[in-house]
């Protein structure tokens, strides 16, 4: 019988979800010819309950979304800078105007497209391992 790594709740074998998480952090100082600092994390597979596993998945999705947001902003800013610079200098005018139009369309499309929610809705009625749960409608 396992227990959840996060909330320490005892789990039945059918409730166990496995996920690789950081389990230890190591920090230290290395003294040699040059002074250096060491920081590392150790990862291992752990057992989680369904609620903690869902929470960890949401955190991963959130971090991934933030990372792509900043990457997207950086490259869009770089492209905009290049295209506006090309228009000001008078070089590659057709390519610059097409590029600015594409960036404008992309920004408009992102604002007007519905965002997909990152959390699981209550409409999901599946149980563990593909079984269905009985829902009483009284």
Foldseek 3Di string as FASTA:
>chain_A
DFAAPPPRHDDDPLFWDKDKDFDDWDWDWDDDPDIDIDIDTDIDIGTHGPVVVQVVQLVVVVVVVVVVVVVVVVVLVVLLVVLVVCVVVVHPVVVSVVSVVVSVVVVVCVVPDDDDDPHDDPVDQADGPRHGDDDDDD
